[in-house]
Amino acid sequence: MAVLVIRFSVHVHPGSKSPGVGGGYADALIVRTRARAVDGRATEEVVERLADAFTVRRGDVAIVRGATSRNKVVEVRGDAQRLNERLSELRQST
């Protein structure tokens, strides 16, 4: 397994009625959270949702830039091929 850190942009929709990961906004992956953007709760949920979506541990997901912004840059650590395939699938889903 080739361990790699992939880096990509996400656009967060806090306070969503239907939380999840999927779709695109410009070149960013959309992450919808139930949590509102208060006291970092939405950012914490972004990490949890991405870990679930990529089937990795929460510790393998890191916010690199934009911790307090709707637009974030994240890194996910794992098998490079599998992560890139999953990212492509998620961007195409809604």
C-alpha atoms as a PDB file:
ATOM      1  CA  MET A   1       0.000   0.000   0.000  1.00  0.00           C
ATOM      2  CA  ALA A   2       1.416   3.353  -1.037  1.00  0.00           C
ATOM      3  CA  VAL A   3       0.718   5.683   1.856  1.00  0.00           C
ATOM      4  CA  LEU A   4       0.205   9.205   0.670  1.00  0.00           C
ATOM      5  CA  VAL A   5      -1.388  12.377   1.856  1.00  0.00           C
ATOM      6  CA  ILE A   6      -3.836  13.788  -0.661  1.00  0.00           C
ATOM      7  CA  ARG A   7      -4.800  17.430  -0.354  1.00  0.00           C
ATOM      8  CA  PHE A   8      -7.999  18.976  -1.692  1.00  0.00           C
ATOM      9  CA  SER A   9     -10.480  21.798  -1.106  1.00  0.00           C
ATOM     10  CA  VAL A  10     -13.822  21.447   0.621  1.00  0.00           C
ATOM     11  CA  HIS A  11     -16.761  23.810   0.829  1.00  0.00           C
ATOM     12  CA  VAL A  12     -18.754  23.437   4.054  1.00  0.00           C
ATOM     13  CA  HIS A  13     -22.519  23.890   4.417  1.00  0.00           C
ATOM     14  CA  PRO A  14     -23.032  24.162   8.209  1.00  0.00           C
ATOM     15  CA  GLY A  15     -26.467  23.667   9.747  1.00  0.00           C
ATOM     16  CA  SER A  16     -27.656  21.380   6.953  1.00  0.00           C
ATOM     17  CA  LYS A  17     -30.826  19.320   7.371  1.00  0.00           C
ATOM     18  CA  SER A  18     -29.256  16.488   5.373  1.00  0.00           C
ATOM     19  CA  PRO A  19     -25.593  16.102   6.376  1.00  0.00           C
ATOM     20  CA  GLY A  20     -23.181  14.246   4.132  1.00  0.00           C
ATOM     21  CA  VAL A  21     -20.313  14.432   1.693  1.00  0.00           C
ATOM     22  CA  GLY A  22     -20.756  14.735  -2.045  1.00  0.00           C
ATOM     23  CA  GLY A  23     -21.016  17.017  -4.999  1.00  0.00           C
ATOM     24  CA  GLY A  24     -18.891  19.904  -6.047  1.00  0.00           C
ATOM     25  CA  TYR A  25     -18.694  23.645  -5.630  1.00  0.00           C
ATOM     26  CA  ALA A  26     -16.210  25.055  -8.149  1.00  0.00           C
ATOM     27  CA  ASP A  27     -13.329  22.586  -7.654  1.00  0.00           C
ATOM     28  CA  ALA A  28     -14.155  21.858  -3.989  1.00  0.00           C
ATOM     29  CA  LEU A  29     -15.861  18.827  -2.468  1.00  0.00           C
ATOM     30  CA  ILE A  30     -19.060  19.749  -0.605  1.00  0.00           C
ATOM     31  CA  VAL A  31     -19.398  18.684   3.037  1.00  0.00           C
ATOM     32  CA  ARG A  32     -22.768  19.283   4.720  1.00  0.00           C
ATOM     33  CA  THR A  33     -22.834  19.304   8.533  1.00  0.00           C
ATOM     34  CA  ARG A  34     -25.679  19.392  11.030  1.00  0.00           C
ATOM     35  CA  ALA A  35     -23.538  21.421  13.401  1.00  0.00           C
ATOM     36  CA  ARG A  36     -23.586  25.168  13.066  1.00  0.00           C
ATOM     37  CA  ALA A  37     -20.371  27.136  12.702  1.00  0.00           C
ATOM     38  CA  VAL A  38     -20.112  27.860  16.430  1.00  0.00           C
ATOM     39  CA  ASP A  39     -17.100  27.057  18.614  1.00  0.00           C
ATOM     40  CA  GLY A  40     -15.526  24.865  15.914  1.00  0.00           C
ATOM     41  CA  ARG A  41     -18.345  22.307  15.986  1.00  0.00           C
ATOM     42  CA  ALA A  42     -18.875  22.348  12.215  1.00  0.00           C
ATOM     43  CA  THR A  43     -15.137  21.932  11.614  1.00  0.00           C
ATOM     44  CA  GLU A  44     -15.036  18.934  13.974  1.00  0.00           C
ATOM     45  CA  GLU A  45     -17.956  17.397  12.110  1.00  0.00           C
ATOM     46  CA  VAL A  46     -16.198  18.005   8.763  1.00  0.00           C
ATOM     47  CA  VAL A  47     -13.288  15.857   9.966  1.00  0.00           C
ATOM     48  CA  GLU A  48     -15.677  13.122  11.147  1.00  0.00           C
ATOM     49  CA  ARG A  49     -17.690  13.116   7.920  1.00  0.00           C
ATOM     50  CA  LEU A  50     -14.583  13.019   5.727  1.00  0.00           C
ATOM     51  CA  ALA A  51     -13.090  10.181   7.790  1.00  0.00           C
ATOM     52  CA  ASP A  52     -16.308   8.200   7.328  1.00  0.00           C
ATOM     53  CA  ALA A  53     -16.540   9.015   3.611  1.00  0.00           C
ATOM     54  CA  PHE A  54     -12.953   7.923   2.941  1.00  0.00           C
ATOM     55  CA  THR A  55     -13.066   5.028   5.442  1.00  0.00           C
ATOM     56  CA  VAL A  56     -10.047   6.254   7.400  1.00  0.00           C
ATOM     57  CA  ARG A  57      -9.458   7.153  11.046  1.00  0.00           C
ATOM     58  CA  ARG A  58     -10.224  10.709  12.165  1.00  0.00           C
ATOM     59  CA  GLY A  59      -6.527  11.100  12.895  1.00  0.00           C
ATOM     60  CA  ASP A  60      -5.848  10.583   9.172  1.00  0.00           C
ATOM     61  CA  VAL A  61      -7.843  13.715   8.286  1.00  0.00           C
ATOM     62  CA  ALA A  62      -6.397  17.163   8.935  1.00  0.00           C
ATOM     63  CA  ILE A  63      -7.583  20.688   8.220  1.00  0.00           C
ATOM     64  CA  VAL A  64      -4.603  22.422   6.603  1.00  0.00           C
ATOM     65  CA  ARG A  65      -6.121  25.814   5.904  1.00  0.00           C
ATOM     66  CA  GLY A  66      -9.391  27.595   6.657  1.00  0.00           C
ATOM     67  CA  ALA A  67     -10.308  26.157  10.048  1.00  0.00           C
ATOM     68  CA  THR A  68     -12.756  29.033  10.629  1.00  0.00           C
ATOM     69  CA  SER A  69     -13.894  29.392   7.008  1.00  0.00           C
ATOM     70  CA  ARG A  70     -16.475  27.590   4.882  1.00  0.00           C
ATOM     71  CA  ASN A  71     -13.700  27.018   2.356  1.00  0.00           C
ATOM     72  CA  LYS A  72     -11.062  24.679   3.726  1.00  0.00           C
ATOM     73  CA  VAL A  73      -8.080  22.715   2.499  1.00  0.00           C
ATOM     74  CA  VAL A  74      -7.831  19.228   3.982  1.00  0.00           C
ATOM     75  CA  GLU A  75      -5.374  16.361   3.877  1.00  0.00           C
ATOM     76  CA  VAL A  76      -6.314  12.706   4.066  1.00  0.00           C
ATOM     77  CA  ARG A  77      -3.701  10.015   4.691  1.00  0.00           C
ATOM     78  CA  GLY A  78      -4.080   6.515   3.260  1.00  0.00           C
ATOM     79  CA  ASP A  79      -3.729   4.439   0.103  1.00  0.00           C
ATOM     80  CA  ALA A  80      -3.152   6.958  -2.695  1.00  0.00           C
ATOM     81  CA  GLN A  81      -5.028   5.141  -5.432  1.00  0.00           C
ATOM     82  CA  ARG A  82      -8.045   4.330  -3.266  1.00  0.00           C
ATOM     83  CA  LEU A  83      -8.260   7.875  -1.854  1.00  0.00           C
ATOM     84  CA  ASN A  84      -8.105   9.509  -5.288  1.00  0.00           C
ATOM     85  CA  GLU A  85     -10.746   7.131  -6.653  1.00  0.00           C
ATOM     86  CA  ARG A  86     -13.022   7.843  -3.694  1.00  0.00           C
ATOM     87  CA  LEU A  87     -12.507  11.619  -4.055  1.00  0.00           C
ATOM     88  CA  SER A  88     -13.559  11.385  -7.689  1.00  0.00           C
ATOM     89  CA  GLU A  89     -16.664   9.368  -6.751  1.00  0.00           C
ATOM     90  CA  LEU A  90     -17.650  11.841  -4.051  1.00  0.00           C
ATOM     91  CA  ARG A  91     -17.234  14.870  -6.315  1.00  0.00           C
ATOM     92  CA  GLN A  92     -19.566  13.275  -8.864  1.00  0.00           C
ATOM     93  CA  SER A  93     -22.241  12.311  -6.347  1.00  0.00           C
ATOM     94  CA  THR A  94     -24.878  14.651  -4.953  1.00  0.00           C
END
